[in-house]
Amino acid sequence: MKIILYALISFCLLALNSCTRDEINVPINIITISSKGAYVISEGGFNPGTSKLSYYNKTSDSFNVSIFNPGSLGLLPDGILYDNGNLYISEQGNFNSSGKLYKTDTNGTVLMSRSAGINPYSMTISYNKIYLTNGPTNSVTVIDKNTMNLVATVNVGLYPQEILSIGNRVFVCNTNVFNGGTDSTVSVIDAVTDNVINNIVVSKNPSSLAVSADGNLLVGCPGDSSKAVIYKIDPVALIIINSYNNLKYGFSRDIVTTGDNEIIYIAGDIYSEQNIVRYSLSSRTSISLIPAPAGALNYGLGYDSEDSRIYVCVAASDFTSNGKFRIYGSTGTLLKEFTITGGITPRRTALKK
């Protein structure tokens, strides 16, 4: 949703470039096939050039600050997926204008790219297709994963943001229009036909999606400040089978499943990210695991189940200073911290296993 704030300040100063190839600077192939780690995407600040793709190499315990800088648009790359040896990165671009989708190799070298959607925010893959949420047009763009050709545009609810697939079903969080209406639904798209087959009613502004340890869909909703709820939904029957509304620390975004019926998420409310909380779905109890950083926001969350490490993207609260990538142990102990020099507002991670 940060793109809405940028629209009021700086997007009108930027020109949209529609070229389909991008000049990049990758000095060496630093990421081997056998290496494991996590890609970190930084949205950038108010100016082009501050969006970066970085990589934490777990195998060598090293951090490469910039393996790819988005080129022609240079603004707000927010979606990232690692799939079968390739990275897919979506970039929002200018407010209410066409965005971009990149397909790169593991080192960030662009293999294919194309204009895509209107401010594409998040993405998922199902049935060999990429699904991108387009907030301003209340739609999802569908692109063939291999050819990068446009397949379909699917109308959903208000300002769709987060998206996730389970099997051949794609789940879309519908949120709110700036200074306008709000939505309380999750649209369900059949990836075989690309038709909406259901709209599941939840609480206001669903902001997060995850798969629980038992294979069900988790939907996190900030709602109003005192009405945050997490829902568990059967992804086949498409019905709510449980809800968790005793969220002591509130709810903001980014649920990750740690196993044993536990999840971790960023608490607070959707506009002021705060501490990171561990929540038990069985006992319905919360533990504040990682505190809110001073002068910054816990802005993105990932989890490496192989060694029970929590990856946290930390954004400076002024959205102009360098971001940080932090690695915590399962009990919330800070293990490592890396500064993303020149990278503003790190938002997401994608694991390379």
Protein backbone atom coordinates (compact mmCIF):
# COMPACT_ATOMS: atom_id res chain seq x y z
CA MET A 1 0.00 0.00 0.00
CA LYS A 2 3.01 2.32 0.22
CA ILE A 3 2.60 3.13 -3.47
CA ILE A 4 -0.49 5.20 -2.62
CA LEU A 5 1.59 7.43 -0.37
CA TYR A 6 4.22 7.78 -3.07
CA ALA A 7 1.53 8.82 -5.52
CA LEU A 8 0.80 11.90 -3.48
CA ILE A 9 4.44 12.96 -3.36
CA SER A 10 6.56 11.82 -6.23
CA PHE A 11 5.11 9.58 -8.91
CA CYS A 12 4.03 12.51 -11.02
CA LEU A 13 7.73 13.39 -11.44
CA LEU A 14 8.65 10.07 -13.02
CA ALA A 15 8.28 8.94 -16.63
CA LEU A 16 7.25 5.45 -17.59
CA ASN A 17 9.66 3.68 -19.93
CA SER A 18 8.15 0.77 -21.87
CA CYS A 19 11.30 -1.01 -23.08
CA THR A 20 11.24 -4.79 -22.77
CA ARG A 21 14.92 -5.45 -22.01
CA ASP A 22 16.99 -4.07 -19.18
CA GLU A 23 20.63 -3.17 -18.72
CA ILE A 24 22.00 -4.70 -15.55
CA ASN A 25 25.30 -4.92 -13.78
CA VAL A 26 26.18 -8.35 -12.43
CA PRO A 27 29.93 -8.48 -11.78
CA ILE A 28 30.28 -12.23 -11.24
CA ASN A 29 28.19 -15.34 -10.88
CA ILE A 30 28.12 -15.44 -7.12
CA ILE A 31 25.22 -17.84 -6.65
CA THR A 32 26.04 -21.43 -7.49
CA ILE A 33 23.48 -24.12 -8.14
CA SER A 34 24.35 -25.82 -4.87
CA SER A 35 24.25 -22.72 -2.67
CA LYS A 36 21.32 -22.11 -0.35
CA GLY A 37 20.09 -18.78 0.89
CA ALA A 38 17.52 -16.03 0.62
CA TYR A 39 16.86 -13.30 -1.94
CA VAL A 40 15.86 -9.92 -0.49
CA ILE A 41 13.94 -7.39 -2.57
CA SER A 42 14.00 -3.70 -1.61
CA GLU A 43 11.10 -1.56 -2.82
CA GLY A 44 13.21 1.57 -3.05
CA GLY A 45 12.54 5.09 -1.90
CA PHE A 46 11.09 8.12 -3.63
CA ASN A 47 13.61 8.00 -6.50
CA PRO A 48 14.61 5.36 -9.06
CA GLY A 49 17.85 3.52 -8.38
CA THR A 50 17.14 2.66 -4.75
CA SER A 51 15.34 -0.60 -5.54
CA LYS A 52 17.66 -3.58 -5.22
CA LEU A 53 17.74 -7.35 -5.28
CA SER A 54 20.23 -8.72 -2.74
CA TYR A 55 21.17 -12.25 -1.71
CA TYR A 56 22.12 -13.86 1.57
CA ASN A 57 24.27 -16.89 0.75
CA LYS A 58 23.68 -19.26 3.64
CA THR A 59 26.24 -21.74 2.30
CA SER A 60 29.10 -19.22 2.47
CA ASP A 61 27.48 -17.02 5.14
CA SER A 62 27.89 -13.92 2.97
CA PHE A 63 25.60 -11.09 1.88
CA ASN A 64 25.66 -9.63 -1.63
CA VAL A 65 24.03 -6.22 -1.44
CA SER A 66 23.02 -5.73 -5.08
CA ILE A 67 22.87 -8.47 -7.68
CA PHE A 68 20.20 -6.68 -9.73
CA ASN A 69 18.84 -3.13 -9.92
CA PRO A 70 15.50 -2.79 -11.71
CA GLY A 71 16.07 -0.79 -14.84
CA SER A 72 13.46 1.03 -16.86
CA LEU A 73 10.93 1.70 -14.10
CA GLY A 74 13.14 1.55 -11.04
CA LEU A 75 10.27 1.83 -8.57
CA LEU A 76 8.70 -0.52 -6.06
CA PRO A 77 9.55 -4.10 -6.96
CA ASP A 78 7.35 -5.83 -4.40
CA GLY A 79 6.64 -9.32 -5.69
CA ILE A 80 9.31 -12.02 -5.76
CA LEU A 81 9.21 -15.78 -6.27
CA TYR A 82 11.90 -18.41 -6.70
CA ASP A 83 10.70 -21.26 -8.90
CA ASN A 84 12.65 -24.09 -10.51
CA GLY A 85 15.94 -22.21 -10.87
CA ASN A 86 14.45 -18.86 -11.85
CA LEU A 87 13.43 -15.70 -10.05
CA TYR A 88 10.30 -13.79 -10.97
CA ILE A 89 10.12 -10.15 -9.83
CA SER A 90 7.18 -7.79 -10.24
CA GLU A 91 7.70 -4.03 -10.22
CA GLN A 92 4.88 -1.56 -9.64
CA GLY A 93 6.28 1.45 -11.51
CA ASN A 94 4.46 4.78 -11.68
CA PHE A 95 1.19 5.16 -9.85
CA ASN A 96 -1.82 3.91 -11.83
CA SER A 97 0.42 2.91 -14.74
CA SER A 98 1.78 -0.27 -16.25
CA GLY A 99 4.23 -2.26 -14.16
CA LYS A 100 6.81 -4.83 -15.16
CA LEU A 101 7.57 -8.50 -14.70
CA TYR A 102 11.12 -9.87 -14.84
CA LYS A 103 12.33 -13.44 -15.20
CA THR A 104 15.96 -13.80 -14.10
CA ASP A 105 18.46 -16.55 -13.43
CA THR A 106 19.73 -17.20 -9.91
CA ASN A 107 22.29 -14.36 -10.21
CA GLY A 108 19.72 -11.75 -11.18
CA THR A 109 20.56 -11.70 -14.90
CA VAL A 110 17.37 -10.82 -16.80
CA LEU A 111 16.31 -13.59 -19.15
CA MET A 112 12.92 -12.15 -20.14
CA SER A 113 10.82 -9.14 -19.17
CA ARG A 114 7.55 -7.52 -20.15
CA SER A 115 5.11 -4.83 -19.11
CA ALA A 116 2.49 -6.31 -16.84
CA GLY A 117 -0.71 -5.13 -15.22
CA ILE A 118 -1.27 -1.87 -13.40
CA ASN A 119 0.99 -1.46 -10.34
CA PRO A 120 1.42 -5.24 -9.93
CA TYR A 121 2.12 -5.88 -6.26
CA SER A 122 2.30 -9.55 -5.33
CA MET A 123 2.41 -12.80 -7.29
CA THR A 124 1.96 -16.54 -7.13
CA ILE A 125 2.37 -19.43 -9.56
CA SER A 126 -0.21 -22.09 -10.37
CA TYR A 127 -0.87 -24.32 -13.38
CA ASN A 128 2.32 -22.99 -15.05
CA LYS A 129 0.97 -19.45 -14.91
CA ILE A 130 1.96 -16.35 -12.95
CA TYR A 131 -0.81 -14.44 -11.19
CA LEU A 132 -0.19 -10.74 -10.40
CA THR A 133 -2.44 -8.51 -8.31
CA ASN A 134 -3.33 -5.11 -9.79
CA GLY A 135 -4.60 -2.82 -7.03
CA PRO A 136 -5.90 0.18 -9.00
CA THR A 137 -7.83 -1.93 -11.52
CA ASN A 138 -9.32 -4.45 -9.07
CA SER A 139 -7.94 -7.30 -11.13
CA VAL A 140 -5.38 -10.08 -11.45
CA THR A 141 -3.12 -10.40 -14.49
CA VAL A 142 -2.36 -13.94 -15.65
CA ILE A 143 0.88 -14.59 -17.58
CA ASP A 144 2.32 -17.79 -19.01
CA LYS A 145 5.33 -18.69 -16.86
CA ASN A 146 7.45 -19.99 -19.75
CA THR A 147 6.65 -17.63 -22.63
CA MET A 148 5.72 -14.56 -20.55
CA ASN A 149 2.70 -14.06 -22.80
CA LEU A 150 -0.49 -12.55 -21.41
CA VAL A 151 -3.12 -15.24 -20.77
CA ALA A 152 -6.01 -13.43 -19.08
CA THR A 153 -7.15 -10.60 -16.83
CA VAL A 154 -9.45 -11.65 -13.99
CA ASN A 155 -11.68 -9.16 -12.16
CA VAL A 156 -11.70 -9.56 -8.38
CA GLY A 157 -12.54 -7.30 -5.39
CA LEU A 158 -11.28 -3.89 -4.27
CA TYR A 159 -7.56 -3.17 -4.54
CA PRO A 160 -6.20 -6.76 -4.46
CA GLN A 161 -2.77 -7.06 -2.86
CA GLU A 162 -1.54 -10.38 -1.43
CA ILE A 163 -2.03 -13.57 -3.42
CA LEU A 164 -1.24 -17.25 -2.85
CA SER A 165 -1.96 -20.56 -4.57
CA ILE A 166 -2.78 -23.97 -3.16
CA GLY A 167 -2.92 -26.57 -5.90
CA ASN A 168 -4.94 -25.18 -8.79
CA ARG A 169 -6.70 -22.56 -6.71
CA VAL A 170 -5.49 -18.98 -6.37
CA PHE A 171 -6.51 -16.92 -3.35
CA VAL A 172 -6.57 -13.10 -3.53
CA CYS A 173 -6.80 -10.61 -0.64
CA ASN A 174 -9.11 -7.72 -1.55
CA THR A 175 -8.38 -4.64 0.58
CA ASN A 176 -9.39 -0.99 0.19
CA VAL A 177 -9.31 2.00 -2.11
CA PHE A 178 -7.38 5.02 -0.84
CA ASN A 179 -9.88 7.49 0.60
CA GLY A 180 -12.65 5.16 -0.56
CA GLY A 181 -14.37 1.87 0.13
CA THR A 182 -13.03 -1.19 1.91
CA ASP A 183 -13.30 -4.88 1.11
CA SER A 184 -13.59 -7.92 3.35
CA THR A 185 -13.26 -10.79 0.90
CA VAL A 186 -10.81 -13.30 -0.46
CA SER A 187 -11.47 -14.10 -4.12
CA VAL A 188 -10.81 -17.65 -5.29
CA ILE A 189 -9.66 -18.20 -8.89
CA ASP A 190 -9.70 -21.60 -10.58
CA ALA A 191 -6.27 -21.71 -12.25
CA VAL A 192 -7.50 -24.19 -14.88
CA THR A 193 -10.23 -21.88 -16.22
CA ASP A 194 -9.08 -18.51 -14.77
CA ASN A 195 -12.57 -17.85 -13.49
CA VAL A 196 -13.52 -16.60 -10.02
CA ILE A 197 -15.35 -19.48 -8.33
CA ASN A 198 -15.97 -17.97 -4.89
CA ASN A 199 -15.58 -14.89 -2.71
CA ILE A 200 -14.98 -15.80 0.93
CA VAL A 201 -16.14 -13.16 3.42
CA VAL A 202 -13.61 -12.44 6.19
CA SER A 203 -12.82 -9.31 8.24
CA LYS A 204 -11.85 -5.90 6.88
CA ASN A 205 -8.73 -5.53 4.74
CA PRO A 206 -7.28 -9.06 4.57
CA SER A 207 -3.54 -8.45 4.29
CA SER A 208 -1.78 -11.81 4.53
CA LEU A 209 -2.00 -15.37 3.26
CA ALA A 210 -0.15 -18.53 4.27
CA VAL A 211 -0.52 -22.30 4.27
CA SER A 212 -0.88 -23.88 7.70
CA ALA A 213 1.00 -27.01 8.74
CA ASP A 214 -2.15 -29.06 8.09
CA GLY A 215 -2.52 -27.72 4.54
CA ASN A 216 -5.28 -25.19 5.11
CA LEU A 217 -5.30 -21.53 4.11
CA LEU A 218 -4.55 -18.88 6.73
CA VAL A 219 -5.87 -15.35 6.16
CA GLY A 220 -4.73 -12.48 8.38
CA CYS A 221 -6.96 -9.42 8.69
CA PRO A 222 -5.94 -6.26 10.60
CA GLY A 223 -9.57 -5.13 10.66
CA ASP A 224 -10.09 -2.22 13.01
CA SER A 225 -7.42 -1.68 15.66
CA SER A 226 -9.14 -3.93 18.21
CA LYS A 227 -10.65 -6.48 15.80
CA ALA A 228 -7.71 -8.25 14.16
CA VAL A 229 -8.54 -11.84 13.14
CA ILE A 230 -6.74 -14.76 11.55
CA TYR A 231 -8.95 -17.26 9.72
CA LYS A 232 -8.30 -20.87 8.79
CA ILE A 233 -10.06 -21.85 5.56
CA ASP A 234 -10.47 -25.23 3.89
CA PRO A 235 -8.93 -24.66 0.42
CA VAL A 236 -11.13 -27.36 -1.15
CA ALA A 237 -14.52 -26.76 0.46
CA LEU A 238 -13.79 -23.00 0.59
CA ILE A 239 -15.33 -22.58 4.03
CA ILE A 240 -13.99 -21.04 7.24
CA ILE A 241 -13.17 -23.84 9.66
CA ASN A 242 -11.66 -21.75 12.46
CA SER A 243 -10.96 -18.17 13.49
CA TYR A 244 -8.51 -16.65 15.94
CA ASN A 245 -9.54 -13.25 17.29
CA ASN A 246 -7.67 -13.10 20.59
CA LEU A 247 -4.62 -11.51 19.00
CA LYS A 248 -3.07 -9.76 21.98
CA TYR A 249 -0.65 -7.65 19.96
CA GLY A 250 -2.90 -6.98 16.98
CA PHE A 251 -2.04 -8.00 13.42
CA SER A 252 -0.37 -6.27 10.49
CA ARG A 253 1.09 -8.59 7.84
CA ASP A 254 3.18 -11.55 6.72
CA ILE A 255 2.20 -14.85 8.31
CA VAL A 256 4.82 -17.61 8.16
CA THR A 257 4.23 -21.17 9.33
CA THR A 258 6.87 -22.69 11.58
CA GLY A 259 5.26 -26.12 12.07
CA ASP A 260 3.77 -27.75 15.18
CA ASN A 261 0.63 -25.63 14.81
CA GLU A 262 2.53 -22.37 15.31
CA ILE A 263 2.84 -19.27 13.16
CA ILE A 264 4.86 -16.04 13.26
CA TYR A 265 3.60 -12.69 12.02
CA ILE A 266 4.19 -8.94 12.22
CA ALA A 267 1.88 -7.43 14.82
CA GLY A 268 0.62 -3.88 15.35
CA ASP A 269 -1.68 -2.44 12.73
CA ILE A 270 -1.32 -2.21 8.98
CA TYR A 271 0.17 1.31 9.04
CA SER A 272 2.60 0.93 11.96
CA GLU A 273 4.50 -2.38 11.86
CA GLN A 274 5.64 -3.31 15.34
CA ASN A 275 6.87 -6.41 17.10
CA ILE A 276 7.03 -9.90 15.64
CA VAL A 277 4.81 -12.41 17.41
CA ARG A 278 4.77 -16.19 17.74
CA TYR A 279 1.21 -17.51 17.98
CA SER A 280 0.01 -21.01 18.83
CA LEU A 281 -3.04 -22.07 16.82
CA SER A 282 -3.73 -24.85 19.31
CA SER A 283 -3.48 -22.97 22.62
CA ARG A 284 -4.40 -19.58 21.10
CA THR A 285 -1.62 -17.83 22.99
CA SER A 286 0.82 -15.14 21.83
CA ILE A 287 4.46 -14.48 22.64
CA SER A 288 6.21 -11.27 21.59
CA LEU A 289 9.31 -12.71 19.95
CA ILE A 290 11.15 -9.81 18.30
CA PRO A 291 10.68 -6.18 19.38
CA ALA A 292 9.95 -3.25 17.11
CA PRO A 293 13.27 -1.74 15.95
CA ALA A 294 14.10 1.79 17.08
CA GLY A 295 13.44 4.31 14.31
CA ALA A 296 12.49 1.57 11.87
CA LEU A 297 9.79 -0.93 10.93
CA ASN A 298 9.71 -4.70 10.82
CA TYR A 299 8.56 -4.56 7.21
CA GLY A 300 8.92 -8.06 5.80
CA LEU A 301 9.13 -11.58 7.18
CA GLY A 302 10.46 -14.95 6.01
CA TYR A 303 11.24 -18.30 7.59
CA ASP A 304 13.82 -20.97 6.82
CA SER A 305 12.51 -24.24 8.24
CA GLU A 306 15.78 -26.06 7.59
CA ASP A 307 17.50 -24.35 10.52
CA SER A 308 14.54 -22.57 12.16
CA ARG A 309 15.80 -19.10 11.26
CA ILE A 310 13.58 -16.05 11.00
CA TYR A 311 14.42 -13.56 8.25
CA VAL A 312 13.31 -9.98 8.87
CA CYS A 313 13.40 -7.06 6.42
CA VAL A 314 13.83 -3.83 8.38
CA ALA A 315 12.85 -0.54 6.76
CA ALA A 316 13.87 2.87 8.10
CA SER A 317 10.76 4.74 9.16
CA ASP A 318 11.71 7.73 6.99
CA PHE A 319 11.74 5.51 3.86
CA THR A 320 14.96 7.21 2.73
CA SER A 321 17.72 5.50 4.73
CA ASN A 322 19.39 2.15 4.05
CA GLY A 323 17.38 -0.89 4.97
CA LYS A 324 18.65 -3.89 6.92
CA PHE A 325 18.34 -7.65 6.68
CA ARG A 326 18.30 -9.43 10.02
CA ILE A 327 18.49 -13.12 10.87
CA TYR A 328 17.06 -14.35 14.15
CA GLY A 329 17.06 -17.72 15.86
CA SER A 330 13.81 -19.51 16.71
CA THR A 331 13.67 -17.90 20.15
CA GLY A 332 14.11 -14.36 18.80
CA THR A 333 17.86 -14.03 19.36
CA LEU A 334 19.52 -11.77 16.79
CA LEU A 335 22.16 -13.83 14.97
CA LYS A 336 23.21 -11.57 12.09
CA GLU A 337 22.51 -8.15 10.65
CA PHE A 338 23.39 -6.82 7.19
CA THR A 339 22.99 -3.26 5.92
CA ILE A 340 21.58 -3.02 2.40
CA THR A 341 23.70 -0.10 1.25
CA GLY A 342 21.74 1.96 -1.26
CA GLY A 343 18.70 -0.27 -0.86
CA ILE A 344 15.63 1.41 0.61
CA THR A 345 12.68 -0.34 2.25
CA PRO A 346 13.41 -4.08 1.97
CA ARG A 347 10.05 -5.83 1.71
CA ARG A 348 10.24 -9.55 0.92
CA THR A 349 12.45 -12.61 0.92
CA ALA A 350 12.43 -15.67 -1.33
CA LEU A 351 14.23 -18.82 -0.24
CA LYS A 352 16.64 -20.72 -2.46
CA LYS A 353 16.80 -24.24 -1.04
